[in-house]
Protein backbone atom coordinates (compact mmCIF):
# COMPACT_ATOMS: atom_id res chain seq x y z
CA MET A 1 -70.44 -45.24 -62.48
CA MET A 2 -68.69 -42.16 -63.89
CA ASP A 3 -65.02 -42.31 -64.85
CA SER A 4 -62.45 -39.68 -63.93
CA LEU A 5 -62.82 -37.90 -67.28
CA SER A 6 -66.63 -37.55 -67.19
CA ILE A 7 -68.40 -34.33 -66.21
CA PRO A 8 -71.37 -34.93 -63.89
CA VAL A 9 -74.44 -32.95 -64.92
CA ALA A 10 -77.62 -32.31 -62.88
CA ILE A 11 -81.01 -31.59 -64.42
CA TYR A 12 -83.29 -29.09 -62.67
CA THR A 13 -87.03 -29.00 -63.50
CA ARG A 14 -89.92 -26.94 -62.16
CA LYS A 15 -93.62 -26.45 -62.84
CA SER A 16 -95.67 -23.79 -61.10
CA THR A 17 -98.97 -25.65 -60.68
CA SER A 18 -100.13 -29.20 -60.15
CA HIS A 19 -102.53 -28.89 -63.11
CA ASN A 20 -101.57 -31.25 -65.96
CA LEU A 21 -98.20 -32.03 -64.38
CA ASP A 22 -97.61 -34.88 -66.76
CA LEU A 23 -99.54 -33.77 -69.83
CA GLU A 24 -98.12 -30.45 -71.00
CA THR A 25 -94.94 -30.02 -73.02
CA ASN A 26 -93.37 -28.11 -70.12
CA SER A 27 -94.22 -30.83 -67.59
CA ILE A 28 -91.61 -32.17 -65.20
CA GLU A 29 -91.02 -35.31 -67.28
CA ALA A 30 -90.95 -33.40 -70.59
CA GLN A 31 -88.38 -30.96 -69.19
CA ARG A 32 -86.25 -33.86 -67.99
CA GLN A 33 -86.39 -35.58 -71.37
CA PHE A 34 -85.27 -32.36 -73.07
CA GLY A 35 -82.44 -32.12 -70.54
CA GLU A 36 -81.32 -35.72 -71.07
CA SER A 37 -81.28 -35.23 -74.85
CA PHE A 38 -79.30 -32.02 -74.43
CA ILE A 39 -76.73 -33.81 -72.24
CA ALA A 40 -76.52 -36.71 -74.71
CA ALA A 41 -75.65 -34.18 -77.43
CA HIS A 42 -72.66 -33.15 -75.30
CA ALA A 43 -71.53 -36.69 -74.58
CA GLY A 44 -68.38 -36.03 -76.59
CA GLU A 45 -67.38 -33.48 -73.94
CA GLY A 46 -67.82 -36.10 -71.22
CA TRP A 47 -71.24 -34.96 -69.93
CA GLU A 48 -73.15 -37.58 -67.95
CA VAL A 49 -76.43 -37.26 -66.02
CA VAL A 50 -76.22 -37.72 -62.26
CA PRO A 51 -78.88 -40.11 -60.86
CA GLU A 52 -80.17 -37.59 -58.29
CA ARG A 53 -83.35 -35.81 -59.43
CA TYR A 54 -84.05 -32.15 -58.69
CA ASP A 55 -87.75 -31.67 -59.48
CA ASP A 56 -89.91 -28.90 -57.97
CA ALA A 57 -93.50 -29.80 -58.86
CA ALA A 58 -96.29 -27.28 -58.19
CA VAL A 59 -93.87 -24.62 -56.87
CA SER A 60 -93.89 -21.01 -58.05
CA GLY A 61 -90.79 -19.53 -59.64
CA ALA A 62 -91.47 -16.29 -57.76
CA THR A 63 -89.86 -17.75 -54.63
CA ALA A 64 -86.47 -19.32 -53.97
CA ASN A 65 -87.89 -21.37 -51.09
CA ARG A 66 -88.09 -24.62 -53.08
CA PRO A 67 -87.05 -28.04 -51.70
CA ALA A 68 -85.37 -29.36 -54.86
CA LEU A 69 -83.63 -26.04 -55.52
CA LYS A 70 -82.21 -26.01 -52.00
CA ARG A 71 -80.87 -29.56 -52.47
CA LEU A 72 -79.41 -28.55 -55.83
CA LEU A 73 -77.47 -25.64 -54.32
CA ALA A 74 -76.32 -27.73 -51.35
CA ASP A 75 -75.10 -30.55 -53.62
CA ALA A 76 -73.39 -28.03 -55.92
CA LYS A 77 -71.47 -26.73 -52.93
CA GLU A 78 -70.37 -30.30 -52.14
CA GLY A 79 -69.12 -30.76 -55.71
CA LYS A 80 -71.54 -33.52 -56.73
CA PHE A 81 -71.79 -32.11 -60.28
CA LYS A 82 -70.14 -29.50 -62.47
CA VAL A 83 -73.03 -28.44 -64.72
CA VAL A 84 -76.74 -27.71 -64.15
CA VAL A 85 -79.07 -28.04 -67.13
CA CYS A 86 -82.56 -26.50 -67.23
CA TYR A 87 -85.14 -26.34 -70.01
CA LYS A 88 -85.69 -22.55 -69.85
CA LEU A 89 -84.18 -19.84 -67.66
CA ASP A 90 -87.52 -19.09 -65.98
CA ARG A 91 -87.42 -22.65 -64.57
CA ILE A 92 -84.60 -21.44 -62.32
CA SER A 93 -86.49 -18.33 -61.17
CA ARG A 94 -88.90 -15.67 -62.36
CA ASN A 95 -87.55 -13.21 -59.81
CA LEU A 96 -84.49 -11.30 -61.01
CA ARG A 97 -82.90 -10.92 -57.58
CA ASP A 98 -83.36 -14.61 -56.80
CA PHE A 99 -82.07 -15.61 -60.24
CA LEU A 100 -78.88 -13.61 -59.79
CA ASP A 101 -78.36 -15.02 -56.30
CA ILE A 102 -78.85 -18.60 -57.55
CA THR A 103 -76.48 -18.24 -60.52
CA ASP A 104 -73.94 -16.50 -58.29
CA ALA A 105 -74.12 -19.38 -55.77
CA LEU A 106 -73.59 -21.90 -58.58
CA GLN A 107 -70.60 -19.98 -59.94
CA LYS A 108 -69.00 -19.79 -56.49
CA SER A 109 -69.35 -23.57 -56.29
CA GLY A 110 -67.64 -23.94 -59.66
CA VAL A 111 -70.86 -25.05 -61.39
CA ARG A 112 -71.96 -23.90 -64.86
CA LEU A 113 -75.57 -23.30 -65.87
CA ALA A 114 -76.68 -24.44 -69.32
CA CYS A 115 -80.10 -24.00 -70.92
CA VAL A 116 -81.81 -26.27 -73.46
CA ALA A 117 -84.08 -23.69 -75.09
CA HIS A 118 -81.43 -20.96 -75.29
CA PRO A 119 -77.77 -21.20 -76.40
CA ILE A 120 -76.56 -20.16 -72.97
CA ASP A 121 -73.64 -21.43 -70.93
CA THR A 122 -72.43 -19.51 -67.87
CA GLY A 123 -69.01 -21.02 -68.42
CA THR A 124 -68.33 -18.10 -70.78
CA ALA A 125 -68.43 -14.33 -70.23
CA ALA A 126 -70.88 -13.87 -73.12
CA GLY A 127 -73.09 -16.58 -71.68
CA ARG A 128 -73.17 -14.94 -68.24
CA ALA A 129 -74.05 -11.56 -69.77
CA PHE A 130 -76.83 -13.08 -71.86
CA VAL A 131 -78.21 -14.96 -68.84
CA ASN A 132 -78.48 -11.73 -66.87
CA LEU A 133 -80.21 -10.01 -69.81
CA MET A 134 -82.70 -12.86 -70.19
CA ALA A 135 -83.38 -12.80 -66.45
CA VAL A 136 -84.34 -9.10 -66.68
CA PHE A 137 -86.92 -9.87 -69.35
CA ALA A 138 -88.22 -12.88 -67.38
CA ALA A 139 -88.71 -10.64 -64.33
CA LEU A 140 -90.44 -8.03 -66.51
CA GLU A 141 -92.80 -10.65 -67.92
CA ARG A 142 -93.66 -11.86 -64.41
CA GLU A 143 -94.40 -8.32 -63.17
CA GLN A 144 -96.51 -7.55 -66.23
CA SER A 145 -98.46 -10.78 -65.75
CA ALA A 146 -99.08 -9.88 -62.11
CA GLU A 147 -100.27 -6.41 -63.17
CA ARG A 148 -102.67 -7.91 -65.69
CA VAL A 149 -104.11 -10.23 -63.04
CA ARG A 150 -104.54 -7.32 -60.60
CA ASP A 151 -106.17 -5.19 -63.27
CA ARG A 152 -108.62 -7.96 -64.12
CA CYS A 153 -109.49 -8.47 -60.46
CA HIS A 154 -110.03 -4.73 -59.98
CA ALA A 155 -112.24 -4.57 -63.08
CA VAL A 156 -114.37 -7.44 -61.77
CA ARG A 157 -114.71 -5.82 -58.32
CA ARG A 158 -115.67 -2.46 -59.81
CA LYS A 159 -118.54 -4.22 -61.56
CA GLY A 160 -119.61 -5.90 -58.32
CA GLY A 161 -118.25 -9.32 -59.27
CA TYR A 162 -116.71 -12.06 -57.14
CA ILE A 163 -112.98 -12.73 -57.44
CA GLY A 164 -112.68 -15.67 -55.06
CA GLY A 165 -111.36 -16.01 -51.54
CA CYS A 166 -113.48 -16.93 -48.51
CA THR A 167 -117.05 -17.59 -49.60
CA PRO A 168 -119.49 -15.59 -47.41
CA PHE A 169 -121.83 -17.62 -45.22
CA GLY A 170 -125.13 -18.20 -47.01
CA TYR A 171 -123.56 -18.34 -50.46
CA LEU A 172 -121.87 -20.90 -52.69
CA ALA A 173 -119.15 -20.15 -55.25
CA ARG A 174 -120.21 -21.39 -58.68
CA ASP A 175 -118.40 -20.56 -61.93
CA LYS A 176 -116.78 -17.45 -60.41
CA HIS A 177 -120.12 -16.20 -59.12
CA LEU A 178 -121.85 -16.20 -55.74
CA VAL A 179 -125.18 -18.02 -55.61
CA PRO A 180 -127.43 -18.45 -52.56
CA ASP A 181 -126.83 -21.60 -50.50
CA PRO A 182 -130.28 -23.23 -50.25
CA GLU A 183 -129.42 -24.75 -46.84
CA ARG A 184 -128.20 -21.53 -45.24
CA ARG A 185 -129.71 -18.54 -47.05
CA ASP A 186 -132.63 -18.28 -44.58
CA VAL A 187 -130.24 -18.54 -41.63
CA VAL A 188 -128.65 -15.22 -42.65
CA ARG A 189 -131.94 -13.37 -42.24
CA GLN A 190 -132.56 -15.16 -38.94
CA ILE A 191 -129.15 -13.93 -37.72
CA TYR A 192 -130.08 -10.33 -38.54
CA GLU A 193 -133.49 -10.60 -36.87
CA ALA A 194 -132.01 -12.28 -33.79
CA TYR A 195 -129.49 -9.48 -33.39
CA LEU A 196 -132.23 -6.83 -33.56
CA ARG A 197 -134.09 -8.69 -30.81
CA THR A 198 -131.13 -9.27 -28.49
CA GLY A 199 -128.61 -6.58 -29.39
CA SER A 200 -125.91 -9.15 -28.58
CA VAL A 201 -123.52 -10.85 -30.99
CA LYS A 202 -122.74 -13.44 -28.31
CA ALA A 203 -126.44 -14.26 -27.88
CA VAL A 204 -126.83 -14.71 -31.64
CA ALA A 205 -123.80 -17.00 -31.82
CA ALA A 206 -124.98 -19.02 -28.82
CA GLY A 207 -128.39 -19.41 -30.47
CA LEU A 208 -126.79 -20.76 -33.64
CA VAL A 209 -124.81 -23.30 -31.61
CA SER A 210 -127.88 -24.42 -29.63
CA GLN A 211 -129.89 -24.84 -32.85
CA GLY A 212 -127.17 -27.00 -34.36
CA VAL A 213 -126.53 -24.65 -37.30
CA LYS A 214 -123.24 -25.52 -39.00
CA ARG A 215 -120.86 -23.29 -40.89
CA ALA A 216 -120.13 -24.39 -44.45
CA ASP A 217 -116.42 -24.71 -43.65
CA GLY A 218 -117.13 -26.90 -40.62
CA ARG A 219 -115.38 -24.56 -38.19
CA PRO A 220 -116.99 -23.55 -34.86
CA TRP A 221 -118.99 -20.35 -34.55
CA ASN A 222 -117.20 -17.37 -33.02
CA LEU A 223 -118.16 -13.75 -32.40
CA PRO A 224 -115.98 -12.11 -35.11
CA TYR A 225 -117.50 -14.41 -37.74
CA VAL A 226 -121.06 -13.54 -36.70
CA LEU A 227 -120.21 -9.83 -36.67
CA ARG A 228 -118.77 -10.16 -40.17
CA ILE A 229 -122.11 -11.57 -41.33
CA LEU A 230 -124.00 -8.74 -39.61
CA THR A 231 -121.92 -6.02 -41.28
CA GLY A 232 -121.29 -7.58 -44.71
CA ARG A 233 -122.61 -5.54 -47.61
CA VAL A 234 -122.69 -8.67 -49.74
CA TYR A 235 -125.94 -9.64 -47.99
CA VAL A 236 -127.76 -6.67 -49.54
CA GLY A 237 -126.24 -7.28 -52.94
CA GLU A 238 -123.54 -4.64 -52.69
CA VAL A 239 -119.75 -4.58 -52.94
CA GLU A 240 -117.38 -2.08 -51.32
CA PHE A 241 -114.22 -1.49 -53.31
CA GLU A 242 -111.66 1.33 -53.08
CA GLY A 243 -113.92 3.29 -50.76
CA LYS A 244 -116.94 3.11 -53.06
CA VAL A 245 -120.10 1.02 -52.83
CA VAL A 246 -121.34 -0.54 -56.06
CA ALA A 247 -124.16 -2.91 -56.90
CA GLY A 248 -123.03 -6.53 -56.71
CA GLU A 249 -123.81 -9.31 -59.14
CA ASN A 250 -124.98 -11.61 -56.34
CA GLU A 251 -128.54 -11.93 -55.05
CA ALA A 252 -129.31 -10.11 -51.77
CA LEU A 253 -130.27 -12.31 -48.79
CA VAL A 254 -131.67 -9.60 -46.49
CA PRO A 255 -133.75 -6.47 -47.20
CA LYS A 256 -131.82 -3.20 -47.24
CA GLU A 257 -134.02 -1.77 -44.47
CA LEU A 258 -133.21 -4.68 -42.15
CA TRP A 259 -129.49 -4.40 -42.92
CA GLU A 260 -129.47 -0.66 -42.16
CA GLU A 261 -131.29 -1.17 -38.85
CA VAL A 262 -128.65 -3.71 -37.85
CA GLN A 263 -125.82 -1.31 -38.78
CA LYS A 264 -127.35 1.39 -36.56
CA LEU A 265 -127.51 -1.02 -33.64
CA VAL A 266 -123.94 -2.24 -34.23
CA ARG A 267 -122.67 1.35 -34.19
CA LEU A 268 -124.72 2.13 -31.08
CA ARG A 269 -123.37 -0.87 -29.22
CA ARG A 270 -119.80 0.03 -30.17
CA SER A 271 -120.14 3.59 -28.89
CA SER A 272 -122.22 2.86 -25.79
CA THR A 273 -121.01 4.22 -22.44
CA GLY A 274 -118.96 1.81 -20.40
CA LYS A 275 -118.11 -0.35 -23.40
CA LYS A 276 -115.14 -2.56 -22.63
CA THR A 277 -112.52 -2.35 -25.37
CA PRO A 278 -108.82 -2.97 -25.75
CA THR A 279 -106.80 0.21 -25.32
CA ARG A 280 -103.78 1.52 -27.16
CA GLU A 281 -102.02 2.22 -23.84
CA PRO A 282 -100.95 -1.21 -22.59
CA HIS A 283 -101.44 -2.42 -19.06
CA PRO A 284 -98.08 -3.18 -17.39
CA LEU A 285 -98.94 -6.89 -17.41
CA SER A 286 -100.03 -7.02 -21.07
CA GLY A 287 -98.49 -9.98 -22.86
CA LEU A 288 -97.58 -11.81 -19.65
CA VAL A 289 -100.93 -13.19 -18.47
CA ARG A 290 -102.17 -16.62 -19.58
CA CYS A 291 -105.44 -18.42 -18.97
CA GLY A 292 -104.83 -21.41 -16.73
CA SER A 293 -107.87 -23.19 -18.14
CA CYS A 294 -107.05 -23.28 -21.88
CA GLY A 295 -103.54 -21.77 -22.08
CA SER A 296 -104.61 -18.84 -24.26
CA ALA A 297 -103.38 -15.30 -23.66
CA MET A 298 -105.54 -13.09 -21.49
CA THR A 299 -106.27 -9.67 -22.93
CA ALA A 300 -106.15 -6.49 -20.86
CA LEU A 301 -109.41 -4.59 -21.30
CA MET A 302 -110.42 -1.18 -20.05
CA ALA A 303 -113.86 -0.12 -18.85
CA ARG A 304 -114.93 3.35 -17.79
CA SER A 305 -117.18 4.08 -14.87
CA ARG A 306 -120.89 4.54 -15.57
CA HIS A 307 -121.15 7.15 -12.78
CA GLY A 308 -119.72 10.05 -14.77
CA ASN A 309 -116.41 10.31 -12.91
CA ASN A 310 -114.47 8.96 -15.94
CA LYS A 311 -112.65 6.48 -13.71
CA VAL A 312 -110.89 3.67 -15.58
CA TYR A 313 -111.05 0.03 -14.53
CA TRP A 314 -108.81 -2.72 -15.86
CA TYR A 315 -109.55 -6.39 -16.07
CA PHE A 316 -108.13 -9.42 -17.87
CA SER A 317 -110.22 -11.86 -19.89
CA CYS A 318 -109.32 -15.01 -21.81
CA ARG A 319 -108.86 -14.00 -25.45
CA ALA A 320 -110.01 -17.35 -26.87
CA ASP A 321 -113.01 -17.60 -24.55
CA ALA A 322 -114.18 -14.09 -25.42
CA LYS A 323 -114.69 -15.18 -29.04
CA ARG A 324 -116.71 -18.27 -28.17
CA PRO A 325 -120.52 -18.15 -28.17
CA VAL A 326 -120.55 -19.99 -24.83
CA ARG A 327 -117.75 -19.61 -22.31
CA LYS A 328 -115.80 -22.81 -21.60
CA CYS A 329 -112.93 -21.60 -19.44
CA THR A 330 -113.37 -21.71 -15.67
CA THR A 331 -110.89 -18.87 -15.18
CA GLY A 332 -113.38 -16.06 -15.69
CA ARG A 333 -112.35 -12.41 -15.51
CA ILE A 334 -109.88 -10.97 -13.04
CA SER A 335 -109.19 -7.39 -12.00
CA GLY A 336 -106.00 -5.81 -13.27
CA GLY A 337 -105.42 -4.35 -9.82
CA VAL A 338 -105.64 -7.77 -8.19
CA LEU A 339 -103.14 -9.21 -10.65
CA GLU A 340 -100.75 -6.28 -10.26
CA LYS A 341 -100.80 -6.60 -6.45
CA ALA A 342 -100.16 -10.35 -6.64
CA VAL A 343 -97.19 -9.81 -8.94
CA LEU A 344 -95.79 -7.00 -6.79
CA ASP A 345 -96.09 -9.14 -3.65
CA ARG A 346 -94.27 -11.98 -5.40
CA MET A 347 -91.56 -9.59 -6.61
CA ALA A 348 -91.08 -8.24 -3.11
CA GLU A 349 -90.93 -11.77 -1.70
CA VAL A 350 -88.19 -12.79 -4.13
CA MET A 351 -86.23 -9.56 -3.87
CA ARG A 352 -86.16 -9.72 -0.05
CA SER A 353 -84.91 -13.32 0.03
CA PRO A 354 -81.38 -13.91 1.36
CA ALA A 355 -80.40 -15.67 -1.88
CA PHE A 356 -81.35 -12.62 -3.92
CA THR A 357 -79.53 -10.14 -1.70
CA ARG A 358 -76.39 -12.27 -1.80
CA THR A 359 -76.59 -12.47 -5.60
CA VAL A 360 -77.02 -8.77 -6.33
CA SER A 361 -74.99 -7.18 -3.54
CA PRO A 362 -71.64 -7.59 -5.42
CA TYR A 363 -73.21 -6.20 -8.58
CA LEU A 364 -74.54 -3.15 -6.69
CA ARG A 365 -71.40 -2.87 -4.60
CA MET A 366 -73.50 -2.91 -1.43
CA ALA A 367 -73.51 -5.08 1.64
CA PRO A 368 -76.44 -7.59 1.84
CA ALA A 369 -77.86 -5.69 4.83
CA GLU A 370 -77.94 -2.43 2.83
CA VAL A 371 -79.65 -4.20 -0.08
CA ARG A 372 -82.35 -5.52 2.27
CA HIS A 373 -82.82 -2.03 3.69
CA ARG A 374 -83.37 -0.50 0.27
CA LEU A 375 -85.84 -3.23 -0.66
CA GLU A 376 -88.10 -2.28 2.24
CA ASN A 377 -89.52 0.41 -0.07
CA VAL A 378 -90.40 -1.84 -3.04
CA THR A 379 -94.05 -0.70 -3.02
CA GLU A 380 -93.06 2.97 -2.86
CA PHE A 381 -90.60 2.45 -5.72
CA TRP A 382 -93.27 0.68 -7.81
CA THR A 383 -96.01 3.27 -7.34
CA GLY A 384 -93.61 6.02 -8.39
CA LEU A 385 -93.00 4.50 -11.82
CA PHE A 386 -94.79 5.52 -14.99
CA PRO A 387 -96.76 2.76 -16.83
CA ALA A 388 -94.04 2.37 -19.45
CA GLU A 389 -91.40 1.97 -16.72
CA LYS A 390 -93.54 -0.62 -14.92
CA TRP A 391 -93.94 -2.55 -18.17
CA ARG A 392 -90.15 -2.54 -18.69
CA VAL A 393 -89.43 -3.76 -15.14
CA LEU A 394 -92.05 -6.51 -15.42
CA LYS A 395 -90.63 -7.69 -18.74
CA LEU A 396 -87.22 -7.96 -17.07
CA LEU A 397 -88.46 -9.75 -13.98
CA VAL A 398 -91.65 -11.73 -14.77
CA ASP A 399 -91.66 -14.71 -17.12
CA SER A 400 -95.40 -15.46 -16.97
CA VAL A 401 -98.55 -14.99 -14.91
CA THR A 402 -101.04 -17.87 -15.08
CA VAL A 403 -104.55 -17.27 -13.76
CA LEU A 404 -106.25 -20.35 -12.30
CA PRO A 405 -109.72 -20.52 -10.74
CA ASP A 406 -108.34 -20.48 -7.20
CA GLU A 407 -104.81 -19.10 -7.51
CA ILE A 408 -102.38 -16.94 -9.49
CA ALA A 409 -99.13 -18.67 -10.50
CA ILE A 410 -96.25 -16.25 -11.08
CA LYS A 411 -92.96 -17.34 -12.64
CA ILE A 412 -90.00 -15.03 -12.00
CA LYS A 413 -87.01 -14.56 -14.31
CA THR A 414 -83.93 -14.83 -12.10
CA GLY A 415 -81.72 -13.41 -14.84
CA GLY A 416 -83.52 -10.06 -14.70
CA LEU A 417 -83.20 -9.49 -10.93
CA ALA A 418 -79.94 -7.57 -11.13
CA ASP A 419 -81.39 -5.24 -13.77
CA VAL A 420 -84.37 -4.50 -11.53
CA MET A 421 -82.01 -3.77 -8.66
CA GLU A 422 -80.23 -1.27 -10.90
CA GLU A 423 -83.61 0.44 -11.34
CA LEU A 424 -83.97 0.56 -7.55
CA ARG A 425 -80.48 2.01 -7.14
CA ASN A 426 -81.15 4.73 -9.70
CA ALA A 427 -84.43 5.59 -8.00
CA ASN A 428 -82.79 6.21 -4.64
């Protein structure tokens, strides 16, 4: 129990990685011991350690989003201590902006910052100036370290080396190198040959599932993952870096001729007439439609006519199901025109209801009968809007559209009805 003359002191410790947390001299426990000895040396001034511990283990100093640091600042604001002791300044932060924000927050709470390894005390003007200077050099050291790491990674990639990350299917990461996975190396070639036979990524993925082939990470097969295998240069022993292709250090798993044949077919399939692809111009219902079977969003896709008239057709398909080798959702695909008509009919039904006309008539300064008269031309109003205007009206009025096997469930936003009526008034 501290007496009225004692000065409560908190110790803050941090270590960036979990490696050797309790072995190195800058470990959490070593930092705390240094802090306790430092406080004991100031016992004549009334310094006493508070029982609460503020230890951030395996947390980088490049971020201020640290649990113990947040508790430290919150407790400082509540006046639970008057001094914070750390082993070195970079334990507080390696980011200059964050460091200044943290020390400023402590000062506003009436809390001093003292450092074991440096004769620094923010209770004095000279101490505050020196802290800021040291923080600049700590930030410089961090940025230079990051640059050195980036330079090393770039040098390795330029030589065709492996720098980590997701290990490609068919390989194992060993001692910072890629080596063929004996259980899966032959599967890679089978994937390439199957694609040349079928011309379908979905068929290849479905074949892998039916054969019981497992991914090394245990996750289910999906179409983007198979396509990444089919287009990866790593499988011919090459690496693409900064727009250039260089020879890789890893062993190739497929012949270059086979890989090139697959690339030709991939490009042909992508550019084939009538290919269904997402478009940059959104459908008015984009972002509102959900699959009633799995709850995933349904993507608006565009297909062009194969008869040479360049006519565009819209349809919605479950985004999650489209990536699966075998479809599981019972929703299927649905025409964009069918959805749009269902939504428009529901809008008209709501907007012609007596409750709606009573609600919006004061806002529009019209009698309910006049509102109903204007709403007789909802379809005409809708067809006269540009796509962007339709999208804006739908976002105001429609909360969600859920597609089920035998029905379309449409949820209307009542709060947006008056805004839609304003659109109607402006259009007349």
